Amino acid sequence: MKRLNEMLNSIIGAVMGAFVLRTLYYIWDFKTHPKFYAMQSAPWYTSLLADGAFTLVVLLICIVIKVIIKEKRKNTK
């Protein structure tokens, strides 16, 4: 169980890190190339919303698994 918990912590960190870095990249790209985003029909942050939804789903799944692990540890002691 400890190894699974550590793996979930790694997944949470990796997903959060990837989301933060991707967000920073999109902000930088929007500031650097505003005319490119002006041609698009959707706002520049639309892909960030999709990335955020994916990140949220992965985080929720990991947190639910961590809570289940915590409850199992509590019940076995």
N, C-alpha and C. Protein backbone atom coordinates (compact mmCIF):
# COMPACT_ATOMS: atom_id res chain seq x y z
N MET A 1 0.82 -1.20 0.00
CA MET A 1 0.00 0.00 0.00
C MET A 1 0.86 1.26 0.00
N LYS A 2 1.99 1.19 0.69
CA LYS A 2 2.86 2.37 0.75
C LYS A 2 3.40 2.70 -0.64
N ARG A 3 3.75 1.67 -1.39
CA ARG A 3 4.28 1.90 -2.73
C ARG A 3 3.22 2.50 -3.66
N LEU A 4 1.99 2.03 -3.54
CA LEU A 4 0.88 2.57 -4.33
C LEU A 4 0.63 4.03 -3.96
N ASN A 5 0.70 4.34 -2.68
CA ASN A 5 0.52 5.72 -2.22
C ASN A 5 1.62 6.63 -2.78
N GLU A 6 2.84 6.15 -2.78
CA GLU A 6 3.95 6.93 -3.34
C GLU A 6 3.77 7.13 -4.85
N MET A 7 3.30 6.09 -5.52
CA MET A 7 3.06 6.21 -6.96
C MET A 7 1.95 7.22 -7.25
N LEU A 8 0.91 7.21 -6.44
CA LEU A 8 -0.16 8.20 -6.61
C LEU A 8 0.34 9.61 -6.36
N ASN A 9 1.20 9.77 -5.36
CA ASN A 9 1.80 11.08 -5.11
C ASN A 9 2.62 11.55 -6.31
N SER A 10 3.34 10.64 -6.93
CA SER A 10 4.12 10.97 -8.12
C SER A 10 3.23 11.37 -9.29
N ILE A 11 2.13 10.64 -9.47
CA ILE A 11 1.20 10.96 -10.55
C ILE A 11 0.58 12.33 -10.32
N ILE A 12 0.18 12.60 -9.08
CA ILE A 12 -0.41 13.90 -8.77
C ILE A 12 0.59 15.02 -9.05
N GLY A 13 1.82 14.85 -8.63
CA GLY A 13 2.85 15.86 -8.87
C GLY A 13 3.14 16.07 -10.35
N ALA A 14 3.20 14.97 -11.09
CA ALA A 14 3.50 15.07 -12.51
C ALA A 14 2.37 15.75 -13.27
N VAL A 15 1.14 15.39 -12.95
CA VAL A 15 0.00 15.98 -13.66
C VAL A 15 -0.12 17.47 -13.33
N MET A 16 0.06 17.80 -12.07
CA MET A 16 0.00 19.22 -11.67
C MET A 16 1.13 20.01 -12.32
N GLY A 17 2.34 19.45 -12.31
CA GLY A 17 3.47 20.13 -12.93
C GLY A 17 3.28 20.34 -14.41
N ALA A 18 2.78 19.31 -15.09
CA ALA A 18 2.54 19.43 -16.53
C ALA A 18 1.48 20.49 -16.81
N PHE A 19 0.43 20.54 -15.99
CA PHE A 19 -0.61 21.54 -16.19
C PHE A 19 -0.08 22.95 -15.97
N VAL A 20 0.70 23.14 -14.93
CA VAL A 20 1.27 24.48 -14.66
C VAL A 20 2.20 24.91 -15.78
N LEU A 21 3.08 24.01 -16.21
CA LEU A 21 4.02 24.36 -17.28
C LEU A 21 3.29 24.62 -18.61
N ARG A 22 2.28 23.82 -18.90
CA ARG A 22 1.53 24.03 -20.14
C ARG A 22 0.77 25.36 -20.09
N THR A 23 0.23 25.70 -18.92
CA THR A 23 -0.46 26.97 -18.76
C THR A 23 0.50 28.13 -18.98
N LEU A 24 1.68 28.04 -18.38
CA LEU A 24 2.68 29.11 -18.56
C LEU A 24 3.09 29.23 -20.02
N TYR A 25 3.22 28.09 -20.71
CA TYR A 25 3.56 28.14 -22.13
C TYR A 25 2.47 28.81 -22.95
N TYR A 26 1.20 28.47 -22.69
CA TYR A 26 0.10 29.09 -23.43
C TYR A 26 0.03 30.60 -23.18
N ILE A 27 0.25 31.00 -21.96
CA ILE A 27 0.25 32.44 -21.66
C ILE A 27 1.38 33.13 -22.40
N TRP A 28 2.57 32.54 -22.37
CA TRP A 28 3.71 33.13 -23.07
C TRP A 28 3.44 33.19 -24.57
N ASP A 29 2.90 32.09 -25.13
CA ASP A 29 2.64 32.04 -26.57
C ASP A 29 1.57 33.07 -26.96
N PHE A 30 0.56 33.25 -26.12
CA PHE A 30 -0.48 34.24 -26.40
C PHE A 30 0.10 35.65 -26.37
N LYS A 31 0.98 35.91 -25.42
CA LYS A 31 1.60 37.25 -25.34
C LYS A 31 2.55 37.49 -26.51
N THR A 32 3.19 36.42 -26.99
CA THR A 32 4.16 36.55 -28.07
C THR A 32 3.49 36.64 -29.44
N HIS A 33 2.43 35.89 -29.66
CA HIS A 33 1.76 35.84 -30.96
C HIS A 33 0.27 36.16 -30.84
N PRO A 34 -0.10 37.35 -30.46
CA PRO A 34 -1.52 37.66 -30.27
C PRO A 34 -2.33 37.64 -31.58
N LYS A 35 -1.70 37.97 -32.70
CA LYS A 35 -2.44 37.99 -33.98
C LYS A 35 -2.86 36.59 -34.41
N PHE A 36 -2.03 35.60 -34.09
CA PHE A 36 -2.38 34.22 -34.42
C PHE A 36 -3.65 33.81 -33.68
N TYR A 37 -3.76 34.18 -32.43
CA TYR A 37 -4.94 33.81 -31.64
C TYR A 37 -6.15 34.67 -32.00
N ALA A 38 -5.92 35.85 -32.55
CA ALA A 38 -7.04 36.70 -32.97
C ALA A 38 -7.76 36.09 -34.17
N MET A 39 -7.06 35.30 -34.98
CA MET A 39 -7.67 34.67 -36.15
C MET A 39 -8.58 33.51 -35.77
N GLN A 40 -8.39 32.93 -34.62
CA GLN A 40 -9.18 31.77 -34.21
C GLN A 40 -10.56 32.20 -33.72
N SER A 41 -11.52 31.33 -33.91
CA SER A 41 -12.88 31.66 -33.48
C SER A 41 -13.06 31.45 -31.98
N ALA A 42 -12.28 30.54 -31.40
CA ALA A 42 -12.39 30.26 -29.96
C ALA A 42 -11.39 31.12 -29.20
N PRO A 43 -11.67 31.42 -27.95
CA PRO A 43 -10.70 32.18 -27.15
C PRO A 43 -9.41 31.39 -26.97
N TRP A 44 -8.34 32.11 -26.68
CA TRP A 44 -7.02 31.48 -26.59
C TRP A 44 -6.92 30.48 -25.45
N TYR A 45 -7.74 30.60 -24.46
CA TYR A 45 -7.64 29.74 -23.28
C TYR A 45 -8.54 28.51 -23.35
N THR A 46 -9.15 28.26 -24.48
CA THR A 46 -10.05 27.12 -24.61
C THR A 46 -9.33 25.80 -24.38
N SER A 47 -8.14 25.64 -24.92
CA SER A 47 -7.40 24.39 -24.71
C SER A 47 -6.98 24.25 -23.25
N LEU A 48 -6.77 25.36 -22.58
CA LEU A 48 -6.44 25.30 -21.15
C LEU A 48 -7.62 24.77 -20.34
N LEU A 49 -8.83 25.10 -20.75
CA LEU A 49 -10.00 24.58 -20.05
C LEU A 49 -10.09 23.06 -20.19
N ALA A 50 -9.80 22.56 -21.37
CA ALA A 50 -9.81 21.11 -21.59
C ALA A 50 -8.70 20.45 -20.78
N ASP A 51 -7.51 21.05 -20.78
CA ASP A 51 -6.41 20.52 -19.98
C ASP A 51 -6.75 20.54 -18.50
N GLY A 52 -7.39 21.60 -18.06
CA GLY A 52 -7.78 21.71 -16.66
C GLY A 52 -8.80 20.66 -16.27
N ALA A 53 -9.74 20.38 -17.16
CA ALA A 53 -10.74 19.33 -16.88
C ALA A 53 -10.08 17.96 -16.78
N PHE A 54 -9.15 17.68 -17.68
CA PHE A 54 -8.42 16.41 -17.63
C PHE A 54 -7.63 16.31 -16.34
N THR A 55 -6.94 17.39 -15.97
CA THR A 55 -6.15 17.41 -14.74
C THR A 55 -7.05 17.18 -13.53
N LEU A 56 -8.18 17.82 -13.51
CA LEU A 56 -9.11 17.68 -12.40
C LEU A 56 -9.61 16.24 -12.27
N VAL A 57 -9.93 15.60 -13.38
CA VAL A 57 -10.40 14.22 -13.35
C VAL A 57 -9.31 13.29 -12.81
N VAL A 58 -8.09 13.45 -13.29
CA VAL A 58 -6.99 12.60 -12.83
C VAL A 58 -6.75 12.83 -11.34
N LEU A 59 -6.75 14.08 -10.90
CA LEU A 59 -6.53 14.37 -9.49
C LEU A 59 -7.64 13.79 -8.61
N LEU A 60 -8.87 13.90 -9.05
CA LEU A 60 -9.98 13.34 -8.27
C LEU A 60 -9.87 11.82 -8.15
N ILE A 61 -9.51 11.16 -9.23
CA ILE A 61 -9.34 9.71 -9.19
C ILE A 61 -8.22 9.33 -8.21
N CYS A 62 -7.09 10.03 -8.28
CA CYS A 62 -5.97 9.74 -7.39
C CYS A 62 -6.35 10.01 -5.93
N ILE A 63 -7.05 11.08 -5.68
CA ILE A 63 -7.43 11.41 -4.31
C ILE A 63 -8.41 10.37 -3.75
N VAL A 64 -9.36 9.92 -4.57
CA VAL A 64 -10.29 8.89 -4.12
C VAL A 64 -9.54 7.61 -3.77
N ILE A 65 -8.58 7.22 -4.60
CA ILE A 65 -7.80 6.02 -4.33
C ILE A 65 -6.99 6.21 -3.04
N LYS A 66 -6.42 7.40 -2.84
CA LYS A 66 -5.66 7.66 -1.62
C LYS A 66 -6.55 7.59 -0.37
N VAL A 67 -7.77 8.07 -0.47
CA VAL A 67 -8.70 7.99 0.67
C VAL A 67 -9.05 6.54 0.97
N ILE A 68 -9.27 5.75 -0.08
CA ILE A 68 -9.56 4.32 0.11
C ILE A 68 -8.39 3.63 0.79
N ILE A 69 -7.17 3.94 0.36
CA ILE A 69 -5.98 3.35 0.96
C ILE A 69 -5.88 3.75 2.43
N LYS A 70 -6.14 5.00 2.72
CA LYS A 70 -6.08 5.48 4.10
C LYS A 70 -7.10 4.76 4.98
N GLU A 71 -8.30 4.56 4.46
CA GLU A 71 -9.34 3.86 5.22
C GLU A 71 -8.97 2.39 5.44
N LYS A 72 -8.37 1.76 4.43
CA LYS A 72 -7.94 0.37 4.58
C LYS A 72 -6.85 0.26 5.65
N ARG A 73 -5.90 1.20 5.64
CA ARG A 73 -4.85 1.20 6.66
C ARG A 73 -5.44 1.38 8.05
N LYS A 74 -6.41 2.25 8.16
CA LYS A 74 -7.03 2.52 9.45
C LYS A 74 -7.78 1.28 9.95
N ASN A 75 -8.45 0.57 9.06
CA ASN A 75 -9.23 -0.60 9.44
C ASN A 75 -8.35 -1.79 9.79
N THR A 76 -7.17 -1.89 9.22
CA THR A 76 -6.29 -3.04 9.49
C THR A 76 -5.50 -2.86 10.79
N LYS A 77 -5.42 -1.67 11.30
CA LYS A 77 -4.64 -1.45 12.53
C LYS A 77 -5.41 -1.77 13.75
